[in-house]
């Protein structure tokens, strides 16, 4: 016959059992961290191969592979604005062998506009920031303005304002246009597209007046002379287009807007594993050759601790939430 335990004894027994289980888990996690990594690491990119984010991921992965001693293999899982990739990684084992290149779209904007997404971005484990990317404000040829002040004045002289394209309602390029409008008082009429590529085609054809797009995408367009870049949205001029002023320089000193990319791991990834990944990524971002290549393509290398990345996400979530509410942006 099994002896019965009193309430007090049962509590002690359960407490000891939980402590033993926790100790075993901690020991397992520590052992795993000591041998990590002992096989290739997968870095999921939520966009098709060949784009700016894919190029960033592959450049960093190549350098970080040397630092951490294992291959970091990029896998592209495109779809639903990054949601398909995020759903895949959030369900992956929390062992450090599956990572995701996160951005405001998948980690902040999509969840704010689509509350029923099949993943919670706040469950991800932050690892390290990689880079910040400014946007460039482009206008069509023949618009007749030479700077941002003239653009704002022209927009307010027209009953319907100027047309601004974007990659779609709720996209980064839509939100930066709304932030620009709110800060400068410009009058704009939003035209959503299915991606910035068709929007850029219409801008070059003269069918829309304005378009914001990320600097790495815009740099090649400067060679075709079919668009004019009036300003960039970062706090500083871009090394690849030093002749282009910032919007802050153009009369709105408090205005900045950036896209960013960071590395995230599945929920509950052990801290020791995250630390090893963080150290390898930060060491990679200090490499002069990698920094030079990233900057030439419009990326500003930016590492930091996991807590730095977590703070960036929390701060930007609050900012985007305010902007979305003020601009009445909805996908319904």
C-alpha atoms as a PDB file:
ATOM      1  CA  UNK A   1       0.000   0.000   0.000  1.00  0.00           C
ATOM      2  CA  UNK A   2       1.292   3.461  -0.935  1.00  0.00           C
ATOM      3  CA  UNK A   3       1.401   5.729   2.118  1.00  0.00           C
ATOM      4  CA  UNK A   4      -0.750   8.836   1.954  1.00  0.00           C
ATOM      5  CA  UNK A   5       0.934  12.201   2.266  1.00  0.00           C
ATOM      6  CA  UNK A   6      -0.487  15.042   4.278  1.00  0.00           C
ATOM      7  CA  UNK A   7      -1.047  18.420   2.678  1.00  0.00           C
ATOM      8  CA  UNK A   8       2.226  19.836   4.076  1.00  0.00           C
ATOM      9  CA  UNK A   9       4.240  16.764   3.108  1.00  0.00           C
ATOM     10  CA  UNK A  10       2.667  16.743  -0.348  1.00  0.00           C
ATOM     11  CA  UNK A  11       3.694  20.376  -0.863  1.00  0.00           C
ATOM     12  CA  UNK A  12       7.280  19.584   0.118  1.00  0.00           C
ATOM     13  CA  UNK A  13       7.276  16.567  -2.190  1.00  0.00           C
ATOM     14  CA  UNK A  14       5.969  18.563  -5.150  1.00  0.00           C
ATOM     15  CA  UNK A  15       8.428  21.365  -4.452  1.00  0.00           C
ATOM     16  CA  UNK A  16      11.356  18.961  -4.422  1.00  0.00           C
ATOM     17  CA  UNK A  17      10.103  17.329  -7.606  1.00  0.00           C
ATOM     18  CA  UNK A  18       9.847  20.693  -9.384  1.00  0.00           C
ATOM     19  CA  UNK A  19      13.283  21.759  -8.146  1.00  0.00           C
ATOM     20  CA  UNK A  20      14.776  18.510  -9.421  1.00  0.00           C
ATOM     21  CA  UNK A  21      13.120  18.947 -12.819  1.00  0.00           C
ATOM     22  CA  UNK A  22      14.300  22.548 -13.042  1.00  0.00           C
ATOM     23  CA  UNK A  23      17.822  21.502 -12.123  1.00  0.00           C
ATOM     24  CA  UNK A  24      17.826  18.838 -14.819  1.00  0.00           C
ATOM     25  CA  UNK A  25      16.579  21.313 -17.410  1.00  0.00           C
ATOM     26  CA  UNK A  26      19.214  23.851 -16.389  1.00  0.00           C
ATOM     27  CA  UNK A  27      21.934  21.256 -16.616  1.00  0.00           C
ATOM     28  CA  UNK A  28      20.716  20.221 -20.063  1.00  0.00           C
ATOM     29  CA  UNK A  29      20.609  23.840 -21.227  1.00  0.00           C
ATOM     30  CA  UNK A  30      24.125  24.485 -19.953  1.00  0.00           C
ATOM     31  CA  UNK A  31      25.457  21.363 -21.641  1.00  0.00           C
ATOM     32  CA  UNK A  32      23.757  22.357 -24.897  1.00  0.00           C
ATOM     33  CA  UNK A  33      25.215  25.868 -24.706  1.00  0.00           C
ATOM     34  CA  UNK A  34      28.741  24.497 -24.214  1.00  0.00           C
ATOM     35  CA  UNK A  35      28.592  22.441 -27.420  1.00  0.00           C
ATOM     36  CA  UNK A  36      26.568  24.969 -29.449  1.00  0.00           C
ATOM     37  CA  UNK A  37      26.799  25.120 -32.385  1.00  0.00           C
ATOM     38  CA  UNK A  38      27.747  21.651 -33.594  1.00  0.00           C
ATOM     39  CA  UNK A  39      25.813  21.775 -36.877  1.00  0.00           C
ATOM     40  CA  UNK A  40      24.738  24.413 -39.431  1.00  0.00           C
ATOM     41  CA  UNK A  41      22.360  27.198 -38.387  1.00  0.00           C
ATOM     42  CA  UNK A  42      19.388  28.224 -40.512  1.00  0.00           C
ATOM     43  CA  UNK A  43      18.549  31.918 -40.948  1.00  0.00           C
ATOM     44  CA  UNK A  44      15.053  32.439 -42.338  1.00  0.00           C
ATOM     45  CA  UNK A  45      14.425  35.515 -44.494  1.00  0.00           C
ATOM     46  CA  UNK A  46      10.786  36.445 -45.039  1.00  0.00           C
ATOM     47  CA  UNK A  47      11.334  37.737 -48.570  1.00  0.00           C
ATOM     48  CA  UNK A  48      12.353  36.314 -51.927  1.00  0.00           C
ATOM     49  CA  UNK A  49      15.999  35.874 -52.823  1.00  0.00           C
ATOM     50  CA  UNK A  50      17.698  38.802 -54.496  1.00  0.00           C
ATOM     51  CA  UNK A  51      16.122  41.646 -52.525  1.00  0.00           C
ATOM     52  CA  UNK A  52      17.809  44.117 -50.189  1.00  0.00           C
ATOM     53  CA  UNK A  53      16.953  42.174 -47.015  1.00  0.00           C
ATOM     54  CA  UNK A  54      18.171  38.921 -48.568  1.00  0.00           C
ATOM     55  CA  UNK A  55      21.480  40.552 -49.562  1.00  0.00           C
ATOM     56  CA  UNK A  56      21.921  41.901 -46.025  1.00  0.00           C
ATOM     57  CA  UNK A  57      21.205  38.496 -44.472  1.00  0.00           C
ATOM     58  CA  UNK A  58      23.614  36.666 -46.773  1.00  0.00           C
ATOM     59  CA  UNK A  59      26.426  39.164 -46.236  1.00  0.00           C
ATOM     60  CA  UNK A  60      26.128  38.976 -42.449  1.00  0.00           C
ATOM     61  CA  UNK A  61      25.614  35.191 -42.451  1.00  0.00           C
ATOM     62  CA  UNK A  62      28.804  34.648 -44.431  1.00  0.00           C
ATOM     63  CA  UNK A  63      30.895  36.667 -41.981  1.00  0.00           C
ATOM     64  CA  UNK A  64      29.160  35.313 -38.846  1.00  0.00           C
ATOM     65  CA  UNK A  65      29.714  31.725 -40.029  1.00  0.00           C
ATOM     66  CA  UNK A  66      33.449  32.291 -39.685  1.00  0.00           C
ATOM     67  CA  UNK A  67      33.058  33.831 -36.239  1.00  0.00           C
ATOM     68  CA  UNK A  68      30.870  31.101 -34.764  1.00  0.00           C
ATOM     69  CA  UNK A  69      32.511  28.125 -36.461  1.00  0.00           C
ATOM     70  CA  UNK A  70      29.485  26.728 -38.297  1.00  0.00           C
ATOM     71  CA  UNK A  71      27.723  27.557 -41.556  1.00  0.00           C
ATOM     72  CA  UNK A  72      24.753  29.927 -41.316  1.00  0.00           C
ATOM     73  CA  UNK A  73      22.493  29.037 -44.222  1.00  0.00           C
ATOM     74  CA  UNK A  74      19.904  31.525 -45.473  1.00  0.00           C
ATOM     75  CA  UNK A  75      16.465  30.122 -46.327  1.00  0.00           C
ATOM     76  CA  UNK A  76      13.880  32.321 -48.047  1.00  0.00           C
ATOM     77  CA  UNK A  77      10.259  31.802 -46.966  1.00  0.00           C
ATOM     78  CA  UNK A  78       8.223  34.570 -48.567  1.00  0.00           C
ATOM     79  CA  UNK A  79       4.514  35.244 -48.146  1.00  0.00           C
ATOM     80  CA  UNK A  80       1.915  37.311 -46.292  1.00  0.00           C
ATOM     81  CA  UNK A  81       4.273  40.186 -45.560  1.00  0.00           C
ATOM     82  CA  UNK A  82       6.579  38.035 -43.474  1.00  0.00           C
ATOM     83  CA  UNK A  83       3.897  36.182 -41.525  1.00  0.00           C
ATOM     84  CA  UNK A  84       4.585  32.791 -43.110  1.00  0.00           C
ATOM     85  CA  UNK A  85       8.249  32.912 -42.120  1.00  0.00           C
ATOM     86  CA  UNK A  86       7.446  34.172 -38.620  1.00  0.00           C
ATOM     87  CA  UNK A  87       4.915  31.388 -38.057  1.00  0.00           C
ATOM     88  CA  UNK A  88       7.515  28.836 -39.166  1.00  0.00           C
ATOM     89  CA  UNK A  89      10.242  30.082 -36.819  1.00  0.00           C
ATOM     90  CA  UNK A  90       8.034  30.663 -33.775  1.00  0.00           C
ATOM     91  CA  UNK A  91       7.239  26.927 -33.842  1.00  0.00           C
ATOM     92  CA  UNK A  92      10.861  25.823 -34.313  1.00  0.00           C
ATOM     93  CA  UNK A  93      12.856  24.174 -31.498  1.00  0.00           C
ATOM     94  CA  UNK A  94      14.372  26.680 -29.060  1.00  0.00           C
ATOM     95  CA  UNK A  95      17.921  25.466 -29.626  1.00  0.00           C
ATOM     96  CA  UNK A  96      19.500  28.319 -31.588  1.00  0.00           C
ATOM     97  CA  UNK A  97      19.641  26.426 -34.881  1.00  0.00           C
ATOM     98  CA  UNK A  98      16.716  28.296 -36.452  1.00  0.00           C
ATOM     99  CA  UNK A  99      16.730  32.089 -36.566  1.00  0.00           C
ATOM    100  CA  UNK A 100      14.759  34.764 -38.403  1.00  0.00           C
ATOM    101  CA  UNK A 101      15.664  38.113 -39.903  1.00  0.00           C
ATOM    102  CA  UNK A 102      13.019  40.322 -38.306  1.00  0.00           C
ATOM    103  CA  UNK A 103      11.886  43.800 -39.313  1.00  0.00           C
ATOM    104  CA  UNK A 104       9.133  46.237 -38.289  1.00  0.00           C
ATOM    105  CA  UNK A 105       6.783  44.627 -40.806  1.00  0.00           C
ATOM    106  CA  UNK A 106       6.719  41.150 -39.280  1.00  0.00           C
ATOM    107  CA  UNK A 107       7.493  42.093 -35.679  1.00  0.00           C
ATOM    108  CA  UNK A 108       5.324  45.194 -35.211  1.00  0.00           C
ATOM    109  CA  UNK A 109       3.183  46.454 -38.104  1.00  0.00           C
ATOM    110  CA  UNK A 110       1.525  43.198 -39.196  1.00  0.00           C
ATOM    111  CA  UNK A 111       0.505  42.283 -35.628  1.00  0.00           C
ATOM    112  CA  UNK A 112      -0.905  45.774 -35.002  1.00  0.00           C
ATOM    113  CA  UNK A 113      -2.999  45.692 -38.177  1.00  0.00           C
ATOM    114  CA  UNK A 114      -3.824  41.970 -38.077  1.00  0.00           C
ATOM    115  CA  UNK A 115      -4.495  40.999 -34.448  1.00  0.00           C
ATOM    116  CA  UNK A 116      -5.491  37.442 -35.418  1.00  0.00           C
ATOM    117  CA  UNK A 117      -2.103  36.447 -36.814  1.00  0.00           C
ATOM    118  CA  UNK A 118      -1.088  32.842 -36.012  1.00  0.00           C
ATOM    119  CA  UNK A 119       1.965  34.007 -34.047  1.00  0.00           C
ATOM    120  CA  UNK A 120       2.787  36.471 -31.300  1.00  0.00           C
ATOM    121  CA  UNK A 121       5.889  38.529 -32.193  1.00  0.00           C
ATOM    122  CA  UNK A 122       6.485  39.319 -28.536  1.00  0.00           C
ATOM    123  CA  UNK A 123       7.259  35.628 -27.950  1.00  0.00           C
ATOM    124  CA  UNK A 124      10.413  35.751 -30.077  1.00  0.00           C
ATOM    125  CA  UNK A 125      13.782  35.911 -28.342  1.00  0.00           C
ATOM    126  CA  UNK A 126      15.791  38.986 -29.435  1.00  0.00           C
ATOM    127  CA  UNK A 127      19.381  38.196 -30.421  1.00  0.00           C
ATOM    128  CA  UNK A 128      20.953  41.244 -32.073  1.00  0.00           C
ATOM    129  CA  UNK A 129      20.208  44.228 -34.259  1.00  0.00           C
ATOM    130  CA  UNK A 130      21.951  44.160 -37.642  1.00  0.00           C
ATOM    131  CA  UNK A 131      21.322  47.397 -39.495  1.00  0.00           C
ATOM    132  CA  UNK A 132      19.181  50.486 -39.889  1.00  0.00           C
ATOM    133  CA  UNK A 133      18.002  51.601 -43.305  1.00  0.00           C
ATOM    134  CA  UNK A 134      16.689  55.027 -44.230  1.00  0.00           C
ATOM    135  CA  UNK A 135      14.042  55.741 -46.818  1.00  0.00           C
ATOM    136  CA  UNK A 136      14.520  58.008 -49.808  1.00  0.00           C
ATOM    137  CA  UNK A 137      11.838  60.462 -50.877  1.00  0.00           C
ATOM    138  CA  UNK A 138      11.563  60.269 -54.668  1.00  0.00           C
ATOM    139  CA  UNK A 139       9.494  62.458 -56.986  1.00  0.00           C
ATOM    140  CA  UNK A 140       8.627  62.066 -60.650  1.00  0.00           C
ATOM    141  CA  UNK A 141      10.478  63.945 -63.316  1.00  0.00           C
ATOM    142  CA  UNK A 142       8.853  67.244 -64.256  1.00  0.00           C
ATOM    143  CA  UNK A 143       7.110  67.841 -60.927  1.00  0.00           C
ATOM    144  CA  UNK A 144       8.842  71.213 -60.787  1.00  0.00           C
ATOM    145  CA  UNK A 145      10.218  71.277 -57.231  1.00  0.00           C
ATOM    146  CA  UNK A 146      13.837  71.308 -56.079  1.00  0.00           C
ATOM    147  CA  UNK A 147      13.531  70.607 -52.342  1.00  0.00           C
ATOM    148  CA  UNK A 148      11.196  69.333 -49.636  1.00  0.00           C
ATOM    149  CA  UNK A 149       9.885  72.803 -48.725  1.00  0.00           C
ATOM    150  CA  UNK A 150       8.780  73.388 -52.321  1.00  0.00           C
ATOM    151  CA  UNK A 151       7.213  69.916 -52.413  1.00  0.00           C
ATOM    152  CA  UNK A 152       5.145  70.623 -49.299  1.00  0.00           C
ATOM    153  CA  UNK A 153       4.081  74.011 -50.647  1.00  0.00           C
ATOM    154  CA  UNK A 154       3.048  72.464 -53.985  1.00  0.00           C
ATOM    155  CA  UNK A 155       1.041  69.750 -52.251  1.00  0.00           C
ATOM    156  CA  UNK A 156      -0.915  72.351 -50.301  1.00  0.00           C
ATOM    157  CA  UNK A 157      -1.645  74.380 -53.418  1.00  0.00           C
ATOM    158  CA  UNK A 158      -3.610  71.519 -54.983  1.00  0.00           C
ATOM    159  CA  UNK A 159      -7.166  70.644 -53.875  1.00  0.00           C
ATOM    160  CA  UNK A 160      -6.410  66.909 -53.888  1.00  0.00           C
ATOM    161  CA  UNK A 161      -2.774  67.262 -52.854  1.00  0.00           C
ATOM    162  CA  UNK A 162      -0.019  65.161 -54.434  1.00  0.00           C
ATOM    163  CA  UNK A 163      -0.254  61.429 -55.011  1.00  0.00           C
ATOM    164  CA  UNK A 164       2.092  59.151 -53.066  1.00  0.00           C
ATOM    165  CA  UNK A 165       2.490  55.476 -53.844  1.00  0.00           C
ATOM    166  CA  UNK A 166       3.346  52.677 -51.441  1.00  0.00           C
ATOM    167  CA  UNK A 167       3.868  48.921 -51.294  1.00  0.00           C
ATOM    168  CA  UNK A 168       0.315  48.599 -49.970  1.00  0.00           C
ATOM    169  CA  UNK A 169      -1.923  49.761 -47.161  1.00  0.00           C
ATOM    170  CA  UNK A 170      -0.160  49.301 -43.842  1.00  0.00           C
ATOM    171  CA  UNK A 171       3.242  48.726 -45.431  1.00  0.00           C
ATOM    172  CA  UNK A 172       6.406  50.440 -44.207  1.00  0.00           C
ATOM    173  CA  UNK A 173       6.361  52.744 -47.210  1.00  0.00           C
ATOM    174  CA  UNK A 174       2.751  53.711 -46.488  1.00  0.00           C
ATOM    175  CA  UNK A 175       3.480  54.471 -42.848  1.00  0.00           C
ATOM    176  CA  UNK A 176       6.560  56.584 -43.584  1.00  0.00           C
ATOM    177  CA  UNK A 177       4.471  58.606 -46.053  1.00  0.00           C
ATOM    178  CA  UNK A 178       1.844  59.172 -43.362  1.00  0.00           C
ATOM    179  CA  UNK A 179       4.547  60.168 -40.872  1.00  0.00           C
ATOM    180  CA  UNK A 180       5.914  62.632 -43.423  1.00  0.00           C
ATOM    181  CA  UNK A 181       2.463  64.097 -43.963  1.00  0.00           C
ATOM    182  CA  UNK A 182       1.838  64.433 -40.211  1.00  0.00           C
ATOM    183  CA  UNK A 183       5.198  66.097 -39.579  1.00  0.00           C
ATOM    184  CA  UNK A 184       5.382  68.485 -42.534  1.00  0.00           C
ATOM    185  CA  UNK A 185       1.719  69.282 -43.106  1.00  0.00           C
ATOM    186  CA  UNK A 186       1.963  68.071 -46.706  1.00  0.00           C
ATOM    187  CA  UNK A 187      -1.320  67.179 -48.400  1.00  0.00           C
ATOM    188  CA  UNK A 188      -1.034  63.751 -50.033  1.00  0.00           C
ATOM    189  CA  UNK A 189      -3.381  61.212 -51.553  1.00  0.00           C
ATOM    190  CA  UNK A 190      -2.310  57.629 -50.927  1.00  0.00           C
ATOM    191  CA  UNK A 191      -2.203  55.157 -53.839  1.00  0.00           C
ATOM    192  CA  UNK A 192      -1.490  51.584 -52.625  1.00  0.00           C
ATOM    193  CA  UNK A 193       0.246  49.063 -54.902  1.00  0.00           C
ATOM    194  CA  UNK A 194       1.111  45.402 -54.565  1.00  0.00           C
ATOM    195  CA  UNK A 195       4.747  46.108 -53.776  1.00  0.00           C
ATOM    196  CA  UNK A 196       7.050  49.050 -54.417  1.00  0.00           C
ATOM    197  CA  UNK A 197       8.229  47.719 -57.802  1.00  0.00           C
ATOM    198  CA  UNK A 198       4.958  48.578 -59.606  1.00  0.00           C
ATOM    199  CA  UNK A 199       4.756  51.835 -57.653  1.00  0.00           C
ATOM    200  CA  UNK A 200       8.257  52.757 -58.819  1.00  0.00           C
ATOM    201  CA  UNK A 201       7.321  51.925 -62.407  1.00  0.00           C
ATOM    202  CA  UNK A 202       4.363  54.293 -62.159  1.00  0.00           C
ATOM    203  CA  UNK A 203       6.546  56.990 -60.602  1.00  0.00           C
ATOM    204  CA  UNK A 204       9.026  56.719 -63.494  1.00  0.00           C
ATOM    205  CA  UNK A 205       6.107  56.823 -65.940  1.00  0.00           C
ATOM    206  CA  UNK A 206       4.815  60.005 -64.297  1.00  0.00           C
ATOM    207  CA  UNK A 207       1.567  58.455 -63.070  1.00  0.00           C
ATOM    208  CA  UNK A 208       2.169  59.290 -59.381  1.00  0.00           C
ATOM    209  CA  UNK A 209       4.018  62.221 -57.824  1.00  0.00           C
ATOM    210  CA  UNK A 210       5.929  60.767 -54.872  1.00  0.00           C
ATOM    211  CA  UNK A 211       7.223  57.526 -53.444  1.00  0.00           C
ATOM    212  CA  UNK A 212       9.251  56.520 -50.396  1.00  0.00           C
ATOM    213  CA  UNK A 213      11.442  53.433 -50.680  1.00  0.00           C
ATOM    214  CA  UNK A 214      14.413  52.063 -48.775  1.00  0.00           C
ATOM    215  CA  UNK A 215      17.821  53.458 -49.717  1.00  0.00           C
ATOM    216  CA  UNK A 216      19.288  50.068 -50.788  1.00  0.00           C
ATOM    217  CA  UNK A 217      16.501  49.774 -53.364  1.00  0.00           C
ATOM    218  CA  UNK A 218      16.794  53.383 -54.520  1.00  0.00           C
ATOM    219  CA  UNK A 219      20.573  53.538 -55.045  1.00  0.00           C
ATOM    220  CA  UNK A 220      20.487  51.668 -58.402  1.00  0.00           C
ATOM    221  CA  UNK A 221      17.679  53.970 -59.614  1.00  0.00           C
ATOM    222  CA  UNK A 222      19.916  57.017 -59.333  1.00  0.00           C
ATOM    223  CA  UNK A 223      21.773  55.845 -62.427  1.00  0.00           C
ATOM    224  CA  UNK A 224      18.784  55.851 -64.756  1.00  0.00           C
ATOM    225  CA  UNK A 225      17.851  59.514 -64.195  1.00  0.00           C
ATOM    226  CA  UNK A 226      14.144  58.672 -64.321  1.00  0.00           C
ATOM    227  CA  UNK A 227      13.434  59.798 -60.761  1.00  0.00           C
ATOM    228  CA  UNK A 228      14.675  62.592 -58.513  1.00  0.00           C
ATOM    229  CA  UNK A 229      15.617  61.953 -54.883  1.00  0.00           C
ATOM    230  CA  UNK A 230      14.780  65.024 -52.787  1.00  0.00           C
ATOM    231  CA  UNK A 231      15.777  63.778 -49.339  1.00  0.00           C
ATOM    232  CA  UNK A 232      16.442  60.808 -47.084  1.00  0.00           C
ATOM    233  CA  UNK A 233      14.658  60.122 -43.816  1.00  0.00           C
ATOM    234  CA  UNK A 234      17.547  59.163 -41.515  1.00  0.00           C
ATOM    235  CA  UNK A 235      19.294  61.355 -38.985  1.00  0.00           C
ATOM    236  CA  UNK A 236      22.365  61.606 -41.241  1.00  0.00           C
ATOM    237  CA  UNK A 237      23.104  61.726 -44.954  1.00  0.00           C
ATOM    238  CA  UNK A 238      23.754  58.419 -46.669  1.00  0.00           C
ATOM    239  CA  UNK A 239      27.342  57.563 -47.593  1.00  0.00           C
ATOM    240  CA  UNK A 240      26.175  56.335 -50.997  1.00  0.00           C
ATOM    241  CA  UNK A 241      24.344  59.618 -51.778  1.00  0.00           C
ATOM    242  CA  UNK A 242      26.106  62.355 -49.871  1.00  0.00           C
ATOM    243  CA  UNK A 243      24.620  65.058 -52.084  1.00  0.00           C
ATOM    244  CA  UNK A 244      21.080  64.289 -50.868  1.00  0.00           C
ATOM    245  CA  UNK A 245      19.996  66.123 -47.680  1.00  0.00           C
ATOM    246  CA  UNK A 246      17.935  64.662 -44.871  1.00  0.00           C
ATOM    247  CA  UNK A 247      14.366  65.789 -44.251  1.00  0.00           C
ATOM    248  CA  UNK A 248      15.631  67.064 -40.891  1.00  0.00           C
ATOM    249  CA  UNK A 249      18.079  69.335 -42.744  1.00  0.00           C
ATOM    250  CA  UNK A 250      15.299  70.438 -45.066  1.00  0.00           C
ATOM    251  CA  UNK A 251      13.330  72.234 -42.370  1.00  0.00           C
ATOM    252  CA  UNK A 252      11.883  69.569 -40.060  1.00  0.00           C
ATOM    253  CA  UNK A 253      14.695  68.900 -37.553  1.00  0.00           C
ATOM    254  CA  UNK A 254      12.745  66.376 -35.467  1.00  0.00           C
ATOM    255  CA  UNK A 255      11.761  64.149 -38.387  1.00  0.00           C
ATOM    256  CA  UNK A 256      13.480  60.782 -38.799  1.00  0.00           C
ATOM    257  CA  UNK A 257      12.161  57.474 -40.076  1.00  0.00           C
ATOM    258  CA  UNK A 258      14.067  54.240 -40.447  1.00  0.00           C
ATOM    259  CA  UNK A 259      13.577  50.647 -41.320  1.00  0.00           C
ATOM    260  CA  UNK A 260      15.696  48.148 -39.427  1.00  0.00           C
ATOM    261  CA  UNK A 261      16.621  44.481 -39.381  1.00  0.00           C
ATOM    262  CA  UNK A 262      17.491  42.258 -36.444  1.00  0.00           C
ATOM    263  CA  UNK A 263      17.996  38.597 -35.653  1.00  0.00           C
ATOM    264  CA  UNK A 264      15.430  36.798 -33.493  1.00  0.00           C
ATOM    265  CA  UNK A 265      15.269  33.223 -32.174  1.00  0.00           C
ATOM    266  CA  UNK A 266      12.265  31.067 -31.233  1.00  0.00           C
ATOM    267  CA  UNK A 267      10.637  31.581 -27.823  1.00  0.00           C
ATOM    268  CA  UNK A 268      12.574  30.424 -24.748  1.00  0.00           C
ATOM    269  CA  UNK A 269      15.912  29.991 -26.500  1.00  0.00           C
ATOM    270  CA  UNK A 270      18.531  29.578 -23.712  1.00  0.00           C
ATOM    271  CA  UNK A 271      20.338  32.766 -22.736  1.00  0.00           C
ATOM    272  CA  UNK A 272      23.762  31.167 -23.121  1.00  0.00           C
ATOM    273  CA  UNK A 273      22.983  30.209 -26.718  1.00  0.00           C
ATOM    274  CA  UNK A 274      21.655  33.698 -27.442  1.00  0.00           C
ATOM    275  CA  UNK A 275      24.866  35.171 -26.006  1.00  0.00           C
ATOM    276  CA  UNK A 276      27.044  33.064 -28.336  1.00  0.00           C
ATOM    277  CA  UNK A 277      24.985  34.138 -31.341  1.00  0.00           C
ATOM    278  CA  UNK A 278      25.044  37.765 -30.234  1.00  0.00           C
ATOM    279  CA  UNK A 279      28.823  37.776 -29.845  1.00  0.00           C
ATOM    280  CA  UNK A 280      29.345  36.284 -33.317  1.00  0.00           C
ATOM    281  CA  UNK A 281      26.972  38.773 -34.956  1.00  0.00           C
ATOM    282  CA  UNK A 282      28.466  41.791 -33.208  1.00  0.00           C
ATOM    283  CA  UNK A 283      31.996  40.683 -34.073  1.00  0.00           C
ATOM    284  CA  UNK A 284      30.904  40.330 -37.703  1.00  0.00           C
ATOM    285  CA  UNK A 285      29.425  43.826 -37.787  1.00  0.00           C
ATOM    286  CA  UNK A 286      32.777  45.230 -36.625  1.00  0.00           C
ATOM    287  CA  UNK A 287      34.596  43.725 -39.604  1.00  0.00           C
ATOM    288  CA  UNK A 288      35.787  46.647 -41.788  1.00  0.00           C
ATOM    289  CA  UNK A 289      35.144  44.809 -45.042  1.00  0.00           C
ATOM    290  CA  UNK A 290      31.583  43.872 -44.139  1.00  0.00           C
ATOM    291  CA  UNK A 291      30.831  47.358 -42.814  1.00  0.00           C
ATOM    292  CA  UNK A 292      32.101  48.905 -46.034  1.00  0.00           C
ATOM    293  CA  UNK A 293      29.979  46.601 -48.202  1.00  0.00           C
ATOM    294  CA  UNK A 294      26.847  47.206 -46.140  1.00  0.00           C
ATOM    295  CA  UNK A 295      27.285  50.982 -46.145  1.00  0.00           C
ATOM    296  CA  UNK A 296      27.860  51.040 -49.899  1.00  0.00           C
ATOM    297  CA  UNK A 297      24.467  49.362 -50.288  1.00  0.00           C
ATOM    298  CA  UNK A 298      22.644  51.808 -48.015  1.00  0.00           C
ATOM    299  CA  UNK A 299      22.758  49.812 -44.766  1.00  0.00           C
ATOM    300  CA  UNK A 300      24.038  51.329 -41.530  1.00  0.00           C
ATOM    301  CA  UNK A 301      25.530  48.466 -39.443  1.00  0.00           C
ATOM    302  CA  UNK A 302      24.146  48.465 -35.930  1.00  0.00           C
ATOM    303  CA  UNK A 303      24.680  45.672 -33.432  1.00  0.00           C
ATOM    304  CA  UNK A 304      24.086  45.698 -29.708  1.00  0.00           C
ATOM    305  CA  UNK A 305      22.778  43.441 -26.964  1.00  0.00           C
ATOM    306  CA  UNK A 306      19.550  41.405 -26.981  1.00  0.00           C
ATOM    307  CA  UNK A 307      18.069  43.938 -24.540  1.00  0.00           C
ATOM    308  CA  UNK A 308      18.930  46.753 -26.968  1.00  0.00           C
ATOM    309  CA  UNK A 309      16.949  45.022 -29.691  1.00  0.00           C
ATOM    310  CA  UNK A 310      14.072  44.356 -27.298  1.00  0.00           C
ATOM    311  CA  UNK A 311      13.954  48.052 -26.359  1.00  0.00           C
ATOM    312  CA  UNK A 312      13.987  49.059 -30.036  1.00  0.00           C
ATOM    313  CA  UNK A 313      10.996  46.805 -30.726  1.00  0.00           C
ATOM    314  CA  UNK A 314       9.046  48.083 -27.713  1.00  0.00           C
ATOM    315  CA  UNK A 315       9.749  51.749 -28.511  1.00  0.00           C
ATOM    316  CA  UNK A 316       8.830  51.363 -32.161  1.00  0.00           C
ATOM    317  CA  UNK A 317       5.692  49.398 -31.351  1.00  0.00           C
ATOM    318  CA  UNK A 318       4.456  52.379 -29.335  1.00  0.00           C
ATOM    319  CA  UNK A 319       5.358  54.820 -32.140  1.00  0.00           C
ATOM    320  CA  UNK A 320       3.712  52.754 -34.882  1.00  0.00           C
ATOM    321  CA  UNK A 321       0.626  52.214 -32.765  1.00  0.00           C
ATOM    322  CA  UNK A 322       0.233  55.978 -32.337  1.00  0.00           C
ATOM    323  CA  UNK A 323       0.824  56.633 -36.051  1.00  0.00           C
ATOM    324  CA  UNK A 324      -1.647  53.945 -37.180  1.00  0.00           C
ATOM    325  CA  UNK A 325      -4.335  55.263 -34.850  1.00  0.00           C
ATOM    326  CA  UNK A 326      -3.759  58.909 -35.814  1.00  0.00           C
ATOM    327  CA  UNK A 327      -3.783  58.084 -39.533  1.00  0.00           C
ATOM    328  CA  UNK A 328      -6.848  55.817 -39.274  1.00  0.00           C
ATOM    329  CA  UNK A 329      -5.027  53.034 -41.141  1.00  0.00           C
ATOM    330  CA  UNK A 330      -6.995  49.811 -41.341  1.00  0.00           C
ATOM    331  CA  UNK A 331      -6.886  46.689 -43.475  1.00  0.00           C
ATOM    332  CA  UNK A 332     -10.632  46.126 -43.150  1.00  0.00           C
END
